[in-house]
N, C-alpha and C. Protein backbone atom coordinates (compact mmCIF):
# COMPACT_ATOMS: atom_id res chain seq x y z
N MET A 1 4.90 -33.94 -12.60
CA MET A 1 5.67 -33.94 -11.37
C MET A 1 7.10 -34.35 -11.72
N MET A 2 8.03 -33.63 -11.18
CA MET A 2 9.45 -33.94 -11.37
C MET A 2 9.93 -34.84 -10.24
N LEU A 3 10.75 -35.81 -10.57
CA LEU A 3 11.33 -36.71 -9.59
C LEU A 3 12.81 -36.44 -9.50
N ASN A 4 13.28 -36.15 -8.28
CA ASN A 4 14.70 -35.98 -8.02
C ASN A 4 15.15 -37.20 -7.23
N LEU A 5 15.84 -38.13 -7.87
CA LEU A 5 16.25 -39.36 -7.22
C LEU A 5 17.32 -39.15 -6.15
N GLY A 6 17.84 -37.95 -6.04
CA GLY A 6 18.80 -37.66 -5.00
C GLY A 6 18.16 -37.09 -3.74
N ASP A 7 16.85 -36.87 -3.79
CA ASP A 7 16.13 -36.24 -2.67
C ASP A 7 15.04 -37.18 -2.15
N PRO A 8 15.21 -37.74 -0.96
CA PRO A 8 14.21 -38.66 -0.41
C PRO A 8 12.80 -38.06 -0.35
N ALA A 9 12.67 -36.78 -0.03
CA ALA A 9 11.34 -36.15 0.03
C ALA A 9 10.68 -36.14 -1.35
N SER A 10 11.46 -35.89 -2.38
CA SER A 10 10.93 -35.91 -3.75
C SER A 10 10.50 -37.33 -4.12
N ILE A 11 11.30 -38.30 -3.72
CA ILE A 11 10.98 -39.70 -4.02
C ILE A 11 9.67 -40.10 -3.35
N VAL A 12 9.51 -39.73 -2.07
CA VAL A 12 8.28 -40.07 -1.35
C VAL A 12 7.08 -39.40 -2.01
N ALA A 13 7.21 -38.12 -2.35
CA ALA A 13 6.10 -37.40 -2.99
C ALA A 13 5.72 -38.05 -4.32
N TRP A 14 6.71 -38.46 -5.10
CA TRP A 14 6.45 -39.12 -6.38
C TRP A 14 5.81 -40.48 -6.17
N TRP A 15 6.32 -41.25 -5.21
CA TRP A 15 5.78 -42.58 -4.91
C TRP A 15 4.30 -42.49 -4.53
N LYS A 16 3.93 -41.46 -3.75
CA LYS A 16 2.55 -41.32 -3.27
C LYS A 16 1.54 -41.11 -4.41
N VAL A 17 1.99 -40.62 -5.55
CA VAL A 17 1.08 -40.37 -6.67
C VAL A 17 0.48 -41.68 -7.19
N LEU A 18 1.28 -42.72 -7.31
CA LEU A 18 0.81 -44.01 -7.83
C LEU A 18 1.69 -45.12 -7.25
N PRO A 19 1.51 -45.43 -5.97
CA PRO A 19 2.43 -46.35 -5.28
C PRO A 19 2.54 -47.73 -5.90
N GLU A 20 1.44 -48.27 -6.44
CA GLU A 20 1.52 -49.63 -6.99
C GLU A 20 2.38 -49.69 -8.25
N ARG A 21 2.54 -48.59 -8.91
CA ARG A 21 3.39 -48.55 -10.10
C ARG A 21 4.78 -48.00 -9.77
N HIS A 22 4.82 -46.97 -8.94
CA HIS A 22 6.09 -46.33 -8.64
C HIS A 22 6.95 -47.15 -7.68
N GLY A 23 6.33 -47.98 -6.85
CA GLY A 23 7.11 -48.85 -5.96
C GLY A 23 8.03 -49.78 -6.74
N PRO A 24 7.50 -50.56 -7.69
CA PRO A 24 8.37 -51.41 -8.49
C PRO A 24 9.41 -50.63 -9.29
N GLN A 25 9.03 -49.44 -9.75
CA GLN A 25 9.99 -48.62 -10.48
C GLN A 25 11.14 -48.19 -9.57
N LEU A 26 10.81 -47.82 -8.33
CA LEU A 26 11.87 -47.44 -7.38
C LEU A 26 12.78 -48.62 -7.08
N GLU A 27 12.20 -49.81 -6.95
CA GLU A 27 13.03 -51.00 -6.71
C GLU A 27 14.00 -51.20 -7.87
N ALA A 28 13.53 -50.98 -9.08
CA ALA A 28 14.40 -51.11 -10.25
C ALA A 28 15.47 -50.02 -10.27
N PHE A 29 15.06 -48.77 -9.98
CA PHE A 29 16.04 -47.68 -9.94
C PHE A 29 17.13 -47.97 -8.91
N GLU A 30 16.73 -48.51 -7.77
CA GLU A 30 17.68 -48.82 -6.70
C GLU A 30 18.73 -49.82 -7.18
N ARG A 31 18.29 -50.82 -7.94
CA ARG A 31 19.22 -51.83 -8.47
C ARG A 31 20.05 -51.31 -9.64
N LEU A 32 19.38 -50.58 -10.55
CA LEU A 32 20.04 -50.19 -11.80
C LEU A 32 20.84 -48.90 -11.71
N ARG A 33 20.54 -48.09 -10.73
CA ARG A 33 21.22 -46.80 -10.55
C ARG A 33 21.77 -46.72 -9.13
N PRO A 34 22.89 -47.41 -8.86
CA PRO A 34 23.40 -47.47 -7.48
C PRO A 34 23.73 -46.10 -6.88
N GLN A 35 23.97 -45.10 -7.70
CA GLN A 35 24.26 -43.77 -7.16
C GLN A 35 23.04 -43.18 -6.44
N PHE A 36 21.85 -43.73 -6.70
CA PHE A 36 20.64 -43.25 -6.05
C PHE A 36 20.10 -44.21 -5.00
N ALA A 37 20.82 -45.28 -4.75
CA ALA A 37 20.33 -46.30 -3.81
C ALA A 37 20.13 -45.74 -2.41
N GLN A 38 21.05 -44.94 -1.92
CA GLN A 38 20.92 -44.42 -0.56
C GLN A 38 19.69 -43.52 -0.39
N PRO A 39 19.47 -42.52 -1.25
CA PRO A 39 18.25 -41.71 -1.11
C PRO A 39 16.97 -42.54 -1.25
N ILE A 40 16.98 -43.56 -2.12
CA ILE A 40 15.80 -44.41 -2.27
C ILE A 40 15.57 -45.21 -1.00
N ARG A 41 16.63 -45.75 -0.41
CA ARG A 41 16.47 -46.49 0.86
C ARG A 41 15.95 -45.58 1.96
N THR A 42 16.43 -44.34 1.98
CA THR A 42 15.94 -43.37 2.97
C THR A 42 14.45 -43.11 2.75
N ALA A 43 14.04 -42.98 1.49
CA ALA A 43 12.62 -42.77 1.18
C ALA A 43 11.79 -43.96 1.64
N TRP A 44 12.29 -45.19 1.42
CA TRP A 44 11.55 -46.37 1.89
C TRP A 44 11.40 -46.34 3.41
N ARG A 45 12.45 -45.92 4.12
CA ARG A 45 12.35 -45.84 5.59
C ARG A 45 11.30 -44.81 6.01
N ILE A 46 11.25 -43.68 5.30
CA ILE A 46 10.24 -42.64 5.59
C ILE A 46 8.85 -43.22 5.37
N ILE A 47 8.65 -43.88 4.26
CA ILE A 47 7.35 -44.46 3.92
C ILE A 47 6.92 -45.48 4.97
N LYS A 48 7.83 -46.36 5.34
CA LYS A 48 7.49 -47.43 6.28
C LYS A 48 7.32 -46.93 7.71
N ALA A 49 7.88 -45.77 8.04
CA ALA A 49 7.77 -45.22 9.39
C ALA A 49 6.49 -44.40 9.60
N ASP A 50 5.88 -43.93 8.54
CA ASP A 50 4.67 -43.11 8.64
C ASP A 50 3.45 -44.03 8.55
N PRO A 51 2.59 -44.03 9.57
CA PRO A 51 1.44 -44.95 9.55
C PRO A 51 0.54 -44.81 8.32
N LYS A 52 0.29 -43.59 7.86
CA LYS A 52 -0.55 -43.41 6.67
C LYS A 52 0.14 -43.98 5.43
N LEU A 53 1.41 -43.68 5.29
CA LEU A 53 2.14 -44.17 4.13
C LEU A 53 2.37 -45.66 4.21
N GLN A 54 2.54 -46.18 5.42
CA GLN A 54 2.76 -47.61 5.59
C GLN A 54 1.56 -48.41 5.08
N SER A 55 0.36 -47.93 5.38
CA SER A 55 -0.82 -48.64 4.88
C SER A 55 -0.91 -48.55 3.36
N MET A 56 -0.54 -47.41 2.78
CA MET A 56 -0.49 -47.28 1.33
C MET A 56 0.55 -48.24 0.75
N PHE A 57 1.68 -48.37 1.44
CA PHE A 57 2.76 -49.26 1.00
C PHE A 57 2.26 -50.70 0.96
N GLU A 58 1.61 -51.13 2.03
CA GLU A 58 1.13 -52.52 2.10
C GLU A 58 0.11 -52.80 0.99
N LYS A 59 -0.82 -51.87 0.80
CA LYS A 59 -1.83 -52.04 -0.24
C LYS A 59 -1.18 -52.04 -1.62
N SER A 60 -0.22 -51.16 -1.84
CA SER A 60 0.42 -51.07 -3.15
C SER A 60 1.21 -52.33 -3.47
N LYS A 61 1.84 -52.93 -2.47
CA LYS A 61 2.59 -54.17 -2.69
C LYS A 61 1.63 -55.29 -3.12
N THR A 62 0.46 -55.34 -2.49
CA THR A 62 -0.53 -56.35 -2.85
C THR A 62 -1.00 -56.16 -4.29
N VAL A 63 -1.33 -54.92 -4.64
CA VAL A 63 -1.80 -54.63 -6.00
C VAL A 63 -0.70 -54.93 -7.02
N ALA A 64 0.52 -54.49 -6.72
CA ALA A 64 1.63 -54.73 -7.65
C ALA A 64 1.87 -56.23 -7.84
N ASN A 65 1.80 -56.98 -6.76
CA ASN A 65 1.99 -58.44 -6.86
C ASN A 65 0.89 -59.08 -7.70
N GLU A 66 -0.35 -58.61 -7.53
CA GLU A 66 -1.46 -59.14 -8.34
C GLU A 66 -1.27 -58.82 -9.81
N ILE A 67 -0.83 -57.61 -10.10
CA ILE A 67 -0.59 -57.21 -11.49
C ILE A 67 0.51 -58.08 -12.09
N MET A 68 1.59 -58.26 -11.36
CA MET A 68 2.70 -59.07 -11.86
C MET A 68 2.28 -60.52 -12.06
N ALA A 69 1.50 -61.07 -11.15
CA ALA A 69 1.04 -62.46 -11.28
C ALA A 69 0.15 -62.61 -12.49
N THR A 70 -0.74 -61.66 -12.71
CA THR A 70 -1.63 -61.71 -13.86
C THR A 70 -0.85 -61.55 -15.15
N ALA A 71 0.10 -60.62 -15.16
CA ALA A 71 0.90 -60.38 -16.37
C ALA A 71 1.75 -61.59 -16.71
N SER A 72 2.25 -62.28 -15.70
CA SER A 72 3.13 -63.42 -15.97
C SER A 72 2.37 -64.60 -16.57
N THR A 73 1.05 -64.66 -16.38
CA THR A 73 0.26 -65.73 -16.98
C THR A 73 -0.10 -65.42 -18.42
N GLY A 74 0.01 -64.15 -18.80
CA GLY A 74 -0.38 -63.75 -20.15
C GLY A 74 -1.86 -63.52 -20.30
N ASN A 75 -2.62 -63.67 -19.20
CA ASN A 75 -4.07 -63.48 -19.23
C ASN A 75 -4.43 -62.08 -18.75
N TYR A 76 -4.03 -61.10 -19.49
CA TYR A 76 -4.34 -59.73 -19.10
C TYR A 76 -4.69 -58.92 -20.32
N LYS A 77 -5.34 -57.80 -20.06
CA LYS A 77 -5.63 -56.85 -21.13
C LYS A 77 -5.40 -55.47 -20.57
N ASP A 78 -5.04 -54.56 -21.42
CA ASP A 78 -4.76 -53.19 -21.00
C ASP A 78 -5.72 -52.27 -21.74
N ASP A 79 -6.94 -52.19 -21.24
CA ASP A 79 -7.92 -51.35 -21.89
C ASP A 79 -8.37 -50.22 -20.98
N SER A 80 -7.64 -50.00 -19.91
CA SER A 80 -8.03 -48.95 -18.98
C SER A 80 -7.40 -47.62 -19.41
N ALA A 81 -8.00 -46.56 -19.00
CA ALA A 81 -7.51 -45.23 -19.35
C ALA A 81 -6.16 -44.95 -18.73
N ASP A 82 -5.88 -45.51 -17.54
CA ASP A 82 -4.62 -45.23 -16.89
C ASP A 82 -3.52 -46.23 -17.23
N GLY A 83 -3.84 -47.21 -18.05
CA GLY A 83 -2.83 -48.16 -18.49
C GLY A 83 -2.53 -49.28 -17.53
N LEU A 84 -3.26 -49.39 -16.42
CA LEU A 84 -3.05 -50.49 -15.51
C LEU A 84 -3.55 -51.78 -16.14
N LEU A 85 -2.91 -52.85 -15.82
CA LEU A 85 -3.32 -54.14 -16.36
C LEU A 85 -4.59 -54.60 -15.67
N ALA A 86 -5.47 -55.19 -16.41
CA ALA A 86 -6.72 -55.71 -15.86
C ALA A 86 -6.85 -57.18 -16.24
N ALA A 87 -7.28 -57.98 -15.28
CA ALA A 87 -7.46 -59.42 -15.56
C ALA A 87 -8.74 -59.66 -16.32
């Protein structure tokens, strides 16, 4: 899948593939690539306004926070096929 950071619809479609991983990446892109901040903010508004996507957003934030908390303790292993961290 190709990601066009200038197109909010492309950003939303990419985010939906793996929200718990792509959400933090979008937050980083927004900070590190200010030229794309506006389309990314628009994509976040689209996600938060759609009830189906909003529930995915809430769940992905929880999962991402758990992954980050586990990774910060150093008590994790990466033996999964998709590369997600496992406690």
